[in-house]
Every structure is written in structure tokens, then in C-alpha cells.
PDB file of N, CA and C in Angstrom:
ATOM      1  N   MET A   1       0.852  -1.170   0.000  1.00  0.00           N
ATOM      2  CA  MET A   1       0.000   0.000   0.000  1.00  0.00           C
ATOM      3  C   MET A   1       0.895   1.228   0.000  1.00  0.00           C
ATOM      4  N   LEU A   2       0.628   2.134  -0.968  1.00  0.00           N
ATOM      5  CA  LEU A   2       1.451   3.333  -1.099  1.00  0.00           C
ATOM      6  C   LEU A   2       0.662   4.590  -0.768  1.00  0.00           C
ATOM      7  N   ARG A   3       1.346   5.558  -0.174  1.00  0.00           N
ATOM      8  CA  ARG A   3       0.751   6.881  -0.014  1.00  0.00           C
ATOM      9  C   ARG A   3       0.717   7.552  -1.383  1.00  0.00           C
ATOM     10  N   SER A   4       0.078   8.701  -1.481  1.00  0.00           N
ATOM     11  CA  SER A   4      -0.016   9.409  -2.760  1.00  0.00           C
ATOM     12  C   SER A   4       1.348   9.840  -3.299  1.00  0.00           C
ATOM     13  N   ASP A   5       2.365   9.943  -2.416  1.00  0.00           N
ATOM     14  CA  ASP A   5       3.706  10.324  -2.870  1.00  0.00           C
ATOM     15  C   ASP A   5       4.581   9.122  -3.215  1.00  0.00           C
ATOM     16  N   GLY A   6       3.988   7.910  -3.215  1.00  0.00           N
ATOM     17  CA  GLY A   6       4.710   6.703  -3.598  1.00  0.00           C
ATOM     18  C   GLY A   6       5.459   6.014  -2.485  1.00  0.00           C
ATOM     19  N   VAL A   7       5.399   6.530  -1.275  1.00  0.00           N
ATOM     20  CA  VAL A   7       6.084   5.920  -0.130  1.00  0.00           C
ATOM     21  C   VAL A   7       5.195   4.818   0.454  1.00  0.00           C
ATOM     22  N   PRO A   8       5.766   3.632   0.728  1.00  0.00           N
ATOM     23  CA  PRO A   8       4.965   2.550   1.307  1.00  0.00           C
ATOM     24  C   PRO A   8       4.413   2.902   2.684  1.00  0.00           C
ATOM     25  N   LEU A   9       3.145   2.624   2.861  1.00  0.00           N
ATOM     26  CA  LEU A   9       2.474   2.809   4.133  1.00  0.00           C
ATOM     27  C   LEU A   9       2.440   1.483   4.886  1.00  0.00           C
ATOM     28  N   ALA A  10       2.284   0.407   4.137  1.00  0.00           N
ATOM     29  CA  ALA A  10       2.259  -0.942   4.689  1.00  0.00           C
ATOM     30  C   ALA A  10       2.680  -1.901   3.584  1.00  0.00           C
ATOM     31  N   ALA A  11       3.182  -3.065   3.960  1.00  0.00           N
ATOM     32  CA  ALA A  11       3.606  -4.047   2.969  1.00  0.00           C
ATOM     33  C   ALA A  11       3.317  -5.449   3.475  1.00  0.00           C
ATOM     34  N   TYR A  12       2.818  -6.280   2.580  1.00  0.00           N
ATOM     35  CA  TYR A  12       2.614  -7.696   2.870  1.00  0.00           C
ATOM     36  C   TYR A  12       2.617  -8.427   1.541  1.00  0.00           C
ATOM     37  N   ASN A  13       2.821  -9.719   1.572  1.00  0.00           N
ATOM     38  CA  ASN A  13       2.693 -10.500   0.349  1.00  0.00           C
ATOM     39  C   ASN A  13       2.048 -11.838   0.637  1.00  0.00           C
ATOM     40  N   ARG A  14       1.601 -12.458  -0.423  1.00  0.00           N
ATOM     41  CA  ARG A  14       1.011 -13.786  -0.360  1.00  0.00           C
ATOM     42  C   ARG A  14       1.733 -14.655  -1.375  1.00  0.00           C
ATOM     43  N   ARG A  15       1.992 -15.886  -1.016  1.00  0.00           N
ATOM     44  CA  ARG A  15       2.657 -16.813  -1.924  1.00  0.00           C
ATOM     45  C   ARG A  15       1.755 -17.084  -3.122  1.00  0.00           C
ATOM     46  N   SER A  16       2.322 -17.073  -4.296  1.00  0.00           N
ATOM     47  CA  SER A  16       1.581 -17.365  -5.515  1.00  0.00           C
ATOM     48  C   SER A  16       2.163 -18.626  -6.131  1.00  0.00           C
ATOM     49  N   VAL A  17       1.325 -19.591  -6.390  1.00  0.00           N
ATOM     50  CA  VAL A  17       1.781 -20.859  -6.949  1.00  0.00           C
ATOM     51  C   VAL A  17       1.011 -21.128  -8.237  1.00  0.00           C
ATOM     52  N   GLU A  18       1.713 -21.416  -9.310  1.00  0.00           N
ATOM     53  CA  GLU A  18       1.071 -21.739 -10.571  1.00  0.00           C
ATOM     54  C   GLU A  18       0.510 -23.152 -10.513  1.00  0.00           C
ATOM     55  N   GLU A  19      -0.668 -23.346 -11.107  1.00  0.00           N
ATOM     56  CA  GLU A  19      -1.268 -24.670 -11.159  1.00  0.00           C
ATOM     57  C   GLU A  19      -0.330 -25.625 -11.884  1.00  0.00           C
ATOM     58  N   GLY A  20      -0.064 -26.754 -11.281  1.00  0.00           N
ATOM     59  CA  GLY A  20       0.804 -27.758 -11.875  1.00  0.00           C
ATOM     60  C   GLY A  20       2.282 -27.577 -11.562  1.00  0.00           C
ATOM     61  N   ALA A  21       2.660 -26.452 -10.986  1.00  0.00           N
ATOM     62  CA  ALA A  21       4.071 -26.217 -10.661  1.00  0.00           C
ATOM     63  C   ALA A  21       4.444 -26.947  -9.379  1.00  0.00           C
ATOM     64  N   ALA A  22       5.687 -27.342  -9.277  1.00  0.00           N
ATOM     65  CA  ALA A  22       6.170 -27.989  -8.053  1.00  0.00           C
ATOM     66  C   ALA A  22       6.158 -26.975  -6.918  1.00  0.00           C
ATOM     67  N   PHE A  23       5.695 -27.394  -5.743  1.00  0.00           N
ATOM     68  CA  PHE A  23       5.647 -26.497  -4.592  1.00  0.00           C
ATOM     69  C   PHE A  23       7.053 -26.308  -4.055  1.00  0.00           C
ATOM     70  N   ASN A  24       7.437 -25.073  -3.797  1.00  0.00           N
ATOM     71  CA  ASN A  24       8.765 -24.756  -3.289  1.00  0.00           C
ATOM     72  C   ASN A  24       8.647 -24.408  -1.811  1.00  0.00           C
ATOM     73  N   ALA A  25       8.904 -25.365  -0.958  1.00  0.00           N
ATOM     74  CA  ALA A  25       8.736 -25.162   0.484  1.00  0.00           C
ATOM     75  C   ALA A  25       9.761 -24.198   1.071  1.00  0.00           C
ATOM     76  N   SER A  26      10.834 -23.910   0.345  1.00  0.00           N
ATOM     77  CA  SER A  26      11.850 -23.011   0.899  1.00  0.00           C
ATOM     78  C   SER A  26      11.434 -21.547   0.804  1.00  0.00           C
ATOM     79  N   LEU A  27      10.411 -21.239  -0.008  1.00  0.00           N
ATOM     80  CA  LEU A  27       9.915 -19.864  -0.077  1.00  0.00           C
ATOM     81  C   LEU A  27       9.035 -19.583   1.122  1.00  0.00           C
ATOM     82  N   LYS A  28       9.134 -18.376   1.628  1.00  0.00           N
ATOM     83  CA  LYS A  28       8.281 -17.986   2.741  1.00  0.00           C
ATOM     84  C   LYS A  28       6.834 -17.914   2.259  1.00  0.00           C
ATOM     85  N   GLY A  29       5.908 -18.045   3.152  1.00  0.00           N
ATOM     86  CA  GLY A  29       4.499 -17.930   2.806  1.00  0.00           C
ATOM     87  C   GLY A  29       4.027 -16.502   2.988  1.00  0.00           C
ATOM     88  N   ASP A  30       2.942 -16.325   3.706  1.00  0.00           N
ATOM     89  CA  ASP A  30       2.429 -14.980   3.957  1.00  0.00           C
ATOM     90  C   ASP A  30       3.415 -14.216   4.825  1.00  0.00           C
ATOM     91  N   GLU A  31       3.680 -12.980   4.426  1.00  0.00           N
ATOM     92  CA  GLU A  31       4.638 -12.159   5.159  1.00  0.00           C
ATOM     93  C   GLU A  31       4.053 -10.772   5.404  1.00  0.00           C
ATOM     94  N   ASN A  32       4.285 -10.250   6.579  1.00  0.00           N
ATOM     95  CA  ASN A  32       3.921  -8.873   6.912  1.00  0.00           C
ATOM     96  C   ASN A  32       5.203  -8.126   7.224  1.00  0.00           C
ATOM     97  N   PHE A  33       5.397  -6.986   6.575  1.00  0.00           N
ATOM     98  CA  PHE A  33       6.615  -6.206   6.751  1.00  0.00           C
ATOM     99  C   PHE A  33       6.280  -4.953   7.538  1.00  0.00           C
ATOM    100  N   PHE A  34       6.690  -4.940   8.798  1.00  0.00           N
ATOM    101  CA  PHE A  34       6.389  -3.814   9.671  1.00  0.00           C
ATOM    102  C   PHE A  34       7.554  -2.830   9.750  1.00  0.00           C
ATOM    103  N   LYS A  35       8.716  -3.239   9.286  1.00  0.00           N
ATOM    104  CA  LYS A  35       9.870  -2.344   9.276  1.00  0.00           C
ATOM    105  C   LYS A  35      10.168  -2.000   7.816  1.00  0.00           C
ATOM    106  N   ILE A  36       9.918  -0.760   7.439  1.00  0.00           N
ATOM    107  CA  ILE A  36      10.130  -0.282   6.078  1.00  0.00           C
ATOM    108  C   ILE A  36      11.100   0.894   6.159  1.00  0.00           C
ATOM    109  N   VAL A  37      12.257   0.747   5.533  1.00  0.00           N
ATOM    110  CA  VAL A  37      13.297   1.772   5.588  1.00  0.00           C
ATOM    111  C   VAL A  37      13.592   2.258   4.166  1.00  0.00           C
ATOM    112  N   ALA A  38      13.575   3.568   3.962  1.00  0.00           N
ATOM    113  CA  ALA A  38      13.875   4.142   2.647  1.00  0.00           C
ATOM    114  C   ALA A  38      15.375   4.086   2.370  1.00  0.00           C
ATOM    115  N   ASN A  39      15.730   3.654   1.169  1.00  0.00           N
ATOM    116  CA  ASN A  39      17.112   3.674   0.705  1.00  0.00           C
ATOM    117  C   ASN A  39      17.344   4.958  -0.093  1.00  0.00           C
ATOM    118  N   GLU A  40      18.585   5.361  -0.231  1.00  0.00           N
ATOM    119  CA  GLU A  40      18.920   6.596  -0.940  1.00  0.00           C
ATOM    120  C   GLU A  40      18.501   6.577  -2.406  1.00  0.00           C
ATOM    121  N   ASP A  41      18.427   5.378  -3.024  1.00  0.00           N
ATOM    122  CA  ASP A  41      18.086   5.290  -4.443  1.00  0.00           C
ATOM    123  C   ASP A  41      16.581   5.262  -4.707  1.00  0.00           C
ATOM    124  N   GLY A  42      15.763   5.436  -3.660  1.00  0.00           N
ATOM    125  CA  GLY A  42      14.310   5.429  -3.828  1.00  0.00           C
ATOM    126  C   GLY A  42      13.673   4.073  -3.604  1.00  0.00           C
ATOM    127  N   SER A  43      14.482   3.044  -3.410  1.00  0.00           N
ATOM    128  CA  SER A  43      13.954   1.718  -3.088  1.00  0.00           C
ATOM    129  C   SER A  43      13.748   1.621  -1.577  1.00  0.00           C
ATOM    130  N   PHE A  44      13.190   0.489  -1.129  1.00  0.00           N
ATOM    131  CA  PHE A  44      12.890   0.309   0.290  1.00  0.00           C
ATOM    132  C   PHE A  44      13.376  -1.041   0.776  1.00  0.00           C
ATOM    133  N   GLU A  45      13.863  -1.049   2.009  1.00  0.00           N
ATOM    134  CA  GLU A  45      14.261  -2.276   2.681  1.00  0.00           C
ATOM    135  C   GLU A  45      13.061  -2.741   3.500  1.00  0.00           C
ATOM    136  N   LEU A  46      12.611  -3.969   3.258  1.00  0.00           N
ATOM    137  CA  LEU A  46      11.440  -4.515   3.947  1.00  0.00           C
ATOM    138  C   LEU A  46      11.865  -5.662   4.851  1.00  0.00           C
ATOM    139  N   THR A  47      11.533  -5.554   6.137  1.00  0.00           N
ATOM    140  CA  THR A  47      11.889  -6.569   7.125  1.00  0.00           C
ATOM    141  C   THR A  47      10.633  -7.030   7.847  1.00  0.00           C
ATOM    142  N   GLU A  48      10.510  -8.346   7.985  1.00  0.00           N
ATOM    143  CA  GLU A  48       9.365  -8.903   8.712  1.00  0.00           C
ATOM    144  C   GLU A  48       9.500  -8.615  10.205  1.00  0.00           C
ATOM    145  N   GLY A  49       8.373  -8.666  10.907  1.00  0.00           N
ATOM    146  CA  GLY A  49       8.392  -8.506  12.348  1.00  0.00           C
ATOM    147  C   GLY A  49       8.108  -7.090  12.792  1.00  0.00           C
ATOM    148  N   ALA A  50       8.305  -6.839  14.062  1.00  0.00           N
ATOM    149  CA  ALA A  50       8.015  -5.538  14.653  1.00  0.00           C
ATOM    150  C   ALA A  50       8.937  -4.462  14.086  1.00  0.00           C
ATOM    151  N   PRO A  51       8.508  -3.192  14.125  1.00  0.00           N
ATOM    152  CA  PRO A  51       9.344  -2.102  13.594  1.00  0.00           C
ATOM    153  C   PRO A  51      10.738  -2.029  14.204  1.00  0.00           C
ATOM    154  N   ASP A  52      10.898  -2.485  15.441  1.00  0.00           N
ATOM    155  CA  ASP A  52      12.216  -2.452  16.074  1.00  0.00           C
ATOM    156  C   ASP A  52      12.971  -3.766  15.891  1.00  0.00           C
ATOM    157  N   SER A  53      12.496  -4.597  14.965  1.00  0.00           N
ATOM    158  CA  SER A  53      13.098  -5.904  14.716  1.00  0.00           C
ATOM    159  C   SER A  53      14.539  -5.776  14.243  1.00  0.00           C
ATOM    160  N   THR A  54      15.376  -6.693  14.684  1.00  0.00           N
ATOM    161  CA  THR A  54      16.757  -6.745  14.228  1.00  0.00           C
ATOM    162  C   THR A  54      16.936  -7.861  13.204  1.00  0.00           C
ATOM    163  N   ALA A  55      15.821  -8.389  12.689  1.00  0.00           N
ATOM    164  CA  ALA A  55      15.871  -9.456  11.701  1.00  0.00           C
ATOM    165  C   ALA A  55      16.526  -8.967  10.412  1.00  0.00           C
ATOM    166  N   THR A  56      17.049  -9.896   9.633  1.00  0.00           N
ATOM    167  CA  THR A  56      17.636  -9.570   8.332  1.00  0.00           C
ATOM    168  C   THR A  56      16.519  -9.215   7.367  1.00  0.00           C
ATOM    169  N   PRO A  57      16.659  -8.130   6.619  1.00  0.00           N
ATOM    170  CA  PRO A  57      15.606  -7.752   5.668  1.00  0.00           C
ATOM    171  C   PRO A  57      15.366  -8.834   4.613  1.00  0.00           C
ATOM    172  N   THR A  58      14.108  -9.072   4.291  1.00  0.00           N
ATOM    173  CA  THR A  58      13.767 -10.022   3.238  1.00  0.00           C
ATOM    174  C   THR A  58      14.032  -9.394   1.876  1.00  0.00           C
ATOM    175  N   TYR A  59      13.652  -8.138   1.729  1.00  0.00           N
ATOM    176  CA  TYR A  59      13.901  -7.381   0.494  1.00  0.00           C
ATOM    177  C   TYR A  59      14.817  -6.220   0.852  1.00  0.00           C
ATOM    178  N   ARG A  60      15.963  -6.106   0.217  1.00  0.00           N
ATOM    179  CA  ARG A  60      16.899  -5.019   0.522  1.00  0.00           C
ATOM    180  C   ARG A  60      16.673  -3.795  -0.359  1.00  0.00           C
ATOM    181  N   ALA A  61      16.041  -3.984  -1.536  1.00  0.00           N
ATOM    182  CA  ALA A  61      15.875  -2.861  -2.472  1.00  0.00           C
ATOM    183  C   ALA A  61      14.559  -2.998  -3.241  1.00  0.00           C
ATOM    184  N   PHE A  62      13.440  -3.084  -2.498  1.00  0.00           N
ATOM    185  CA  PHE A  62      12.131  -3.212  -3.147  1.00  0.00           C
ATOM    186  C   PHE A  62      11.708  -1.854  -3.699  1.00  0.00           C
ATOM    187  N   GLN A  63      11.193  -1.858  -4.914  1.00  0.00           N
ATOM    188  CA  GLN A  63      10.799  -0.615  -5.577  1.00  0.00           C
ATOM    189  C   GLN A  63       9.285  -0.574  -5.762  1.00  0.00           C
ATOM    190  N   PRO A  64       8.644   0.567  -5.539  1.00  0.00           N
ATOM    191  CA  PRO A  64       7.193   0.673  -5.720  1.00  0.00           C
ATOM    192  C   PRO A  64       6.833   0.883  -7.195  1.00  0.00           C
ATOM    193  N   LYS A  65       7.257  -0.083  -8.020  1.00  0.00           N
ATOM    194  CA  LYS A  65       6.971  -0.078  -9.459  1.00  0.00           C
ATOM    195  C   LYS A  65       7.245  -1.487  -9.984  1.00  0.00           C
ATOM    196  N   ASP A  66       6.906  -1.750 -11.243  1.00  0.00           N
ATOM    197  CA  ASP A  66       7.237  -3.039 -11.847  1.00  0.00           C
ATOM    198  C   ASP A  66       8.756  -3.204 -11.826  1.00  0.00           C
ATOM    199  N   HIS A  67       9.232  -4.337 -11.327  1.00  0.00           N
ATOM    200  CA  HIS A  67      10.672  -4.587 -11.292  1.00  0.00           C
ATOM    201  C   HIS A  67      10.956  -6.042 -10.963  1.00  0.00           C
ATOM    202  N   THR A  68      12.199  -6.434 -11.106  1.00  0.00           N
ATOM    203  CA  THR A  68      12.666  -7.740 -10.660  1.00  0.00           C
ATOM    204  C   THR A  68      13.771  -7.507  -9.645  1.00  0.00           C
ATOM    205  N   GLY A  69      14.019  -8.500  -8.825  1.00  0.00           N
ATOM    206  CA  GLY A  69      15.057  -8.367  -7.813  1.00  0.00           C
ATOM    207  C   GLY A  69      15.341  -9.694  -7.149  1.00  0.00           C
ATOM    208  N   GLU A  70      15.978  -9.639  -5.997  1.00  0.00           N
ATOM    209  CA  GLU A  70      16.290 -10.834  -5.218  1.00  0.00           C
ATOM    210  C   GLU A  70      15.769 -10.661  -3.803  1.00  0.00           C
ATOM    211  N   ARG A  71      15.326 -11.772  -3.219  1.00  0.00           N
ATOM    212  CA  ARG A  71      14.786 -11.766  -1.861  1.00  0.00           C
ATOM    213  C   ARG A  71      15.428 -12.867  -1.036  1.00  0.00           C
ATOM    214  N   LEU A  72      15.416 -12.684   0.268  1.00  0.00           N
ATOM    215  CA  LEU A  72      15.951 -13.667   1.204  1.00  0.00           C
ATOM    216  C   LEU A  72      15.003 -14.852   1.299  1.00  0.00           C
ATOM    217  N   MET A  73      15.545 -16.047   1.317  1.00  0.00           N
ATOM    218  CA  MET A  73      14.746 -17.265   1.413  1.00  0.00           C
ATOM    219  C   MET A  73      14.423 -17.604   2.873  1.00  0.00           C
ATOM    220  N   LEU A  74      13.588 -18.597   3.060  1.00  0.00           N
ATOM    221  CA  LEU A  74      13.132 -19.028   4.377  1.00  0.00           C
ATOM    222  C   LEU A  74      14.287 -19.375   5.309  1.00  0.00           C
ATOM    223  N   ASN A  75      15.354 -19.959   4.770  1.00  0.00           N
ATOM    224  CA  ASN A  75      16.473 -20.359   5.629  1.00  0.00           C
ATOM    225  C   ASN A  75      17.304 -19.167   6.113  1.00  0.00           C
ATOM    226  N   GLY A  76      16.997 -17.952   5.613  1.00  0.00           N
ATOM    227  CA  GLY A  76      17.688 -16.756   6.061  1.00  0.00           C
ATOM    228  C   GLY A  76      19.083 -16.595   5.507  1.00  0.00           C
ATOM    229  N   ILE A  77      19.462 -17.471   4.575  1.00  0.00           N
ATOM    230  CA  ILE A  77      20.809 -17.421   4.007  1.00  0.00           C
ATOM    231  C   ILE A  77      20.751 -17.230   2.491  1.00  0.00           C
ATOM    232  N   ASP A  78      20.024 -18.096   1.828  1.00  0.00           N
ATOM    233  CA  ASP A  78      19.964 -18.077   0.364  1.00  0.00           C
ATOM    234  C   ASP A  78      19.043 -16.978  -0.145  1.00  0.00           C
ATOM    235  N   ILE A  79      19.259 -16.604  -1.400  1.00  0.00           N
ATOM    236  CA  ILE A  79      18.397 -15.613  -2.042  1.00  0.00           C
ATOM    237  C   ILE A  79      17.728 -16.235  -3.259  1.00  0.00           C
ATOM    238  N   ALA A  80      16.608 -15.647  -3.659  1.00  0.00           N
ATOM    239  CA  ALA A  80      15.865 -16.133  -4.818  1.00  0.00           C
ATOM    240  C   ALA A  80      15.379 -14.932  -5.618  1.00  0.00           C
ATOM    241  N   PRO A  81      15.240 -15.098  -6.928  1.00  0.00           N
ATOM    242  CA  PRO A  81      14.728 -13.991  -7.737  1.00  0.00           C
ATOM    243  C   PRO A  81      13.225 -13.807  -7.528  1.00  0.00           C
ATOM    244  N   TYR A  82      12.738 -12.591  -7.770  1.00  0.00           N
ATOM    245  CA  TYR A  82      11.304 -12.340  -7.742  1.00  0.00           C
ATOM    246  C   TYR A  82      10.961 -11.313  -8.811  1.00  0.00           C
ATOM    247  N   LYS A  83       9.680 -11.245  -9.138  1.00  0.00           N
ATOM    248  CA  LYS A  83       9.167 -10.250 -10.080  1.00  0.00           C
ATOM    249  C   LYS A  83       8.001  -9.569  -9.403  1.00  0.00           C
ATOM    250  N   ALA A  84       8.021  -8.238  -9.337  1.00  0.00           N
ATOM    251  CA  ALA A  84       6.948  -7.470  -8.720  1.00  0.00           C
ATOM    252  C   ALA A  84       6.217  -6.663  -9.792  1.00  0.00           C
ATOM    253  N   THR A  85       4.903  -6.583  -9.645  1.00  0.00           N
ATOM    254  CA  THR A  85       4.070  -5.823 -10.557  1.00  0.00           C
ATOM    255  C   THR A  85       3.240  -4.836  -9.751  1.00  0.00           C
ATOM    256  N   LEU A  86       3.321  -3.560 -10.078  1.00  0.00           N
ATOM    257  CA  LEU A  86       2.543  -2.538  -9.398  1.00  0.00           C
ATOM    258  C   LEU A  86       1.124  -2.584  -9.922  1.00  0.00           C
ATOM    259  N   LEU A  87       0.166  -2.792  -9.038  1.00  0.00           N
ATOM    260  CA  LEU A  87      -1.241  -2.830  -9.432  1.00  0.00           C
ATOM    261  C   LEU A  87      -1.825  -1.424  -9.396  1.00  0.00           C
ATOM    262  N   PRO A  88      -2.712  -1.113 -10.340  1.00  0.00           N
ATOM    263  CA  PRO A  88      -3.300   0.230 -10.369  1.00  0.00           C
ATOM    264  C   PRO A  88      -4.228   0.469  -9.200  1.00  0.00           C
TER     265      PRO A  88
END
């Protein structure tokens, strides 16, 4: 959810699985990001948990527009590619 100036107000995601695709248990499921930090390049660092969480960010450079990037996996070590689409 974005404010009118494009800054995230809240962030969450839901796992999307294509019919017939193998289930990837290493991907996180539903996530709520309560810690949102602006980066100098206009992207945002999204971390699960409370705003004062010291957890490792799942997304280090999420952009509020169509883009691709890398995200932290469930094991907290590996990364995986993702594709984001901004909905109107």
C-alpha cells in the first residue's frame, strides 16, 4: 500500500503458486513487513516482524513499481529472484 507520494504505508505479500508447478517449500508464505526503511536510491528495505526488529531484511531494495530483484529465502541465508508488478 502506497501513499499518494509513492512511499509505502504498509507491505505484505502472499505466496503465488502456478497450477501444476512444483511447490517450493523453501519460499516464505504470507509475510507482513512492519519495518520499512527508505534507501537513498528510492527503493525500500522490507523486514518482517516488529518495527524495532533486528531481523535480516527479506527485500533489501524493493521498488514501488514493476521490477525484478532478489529476496531472502526461508532459511535466512539463500536468495531467490522475484518479479513485482505494481497494481493500479
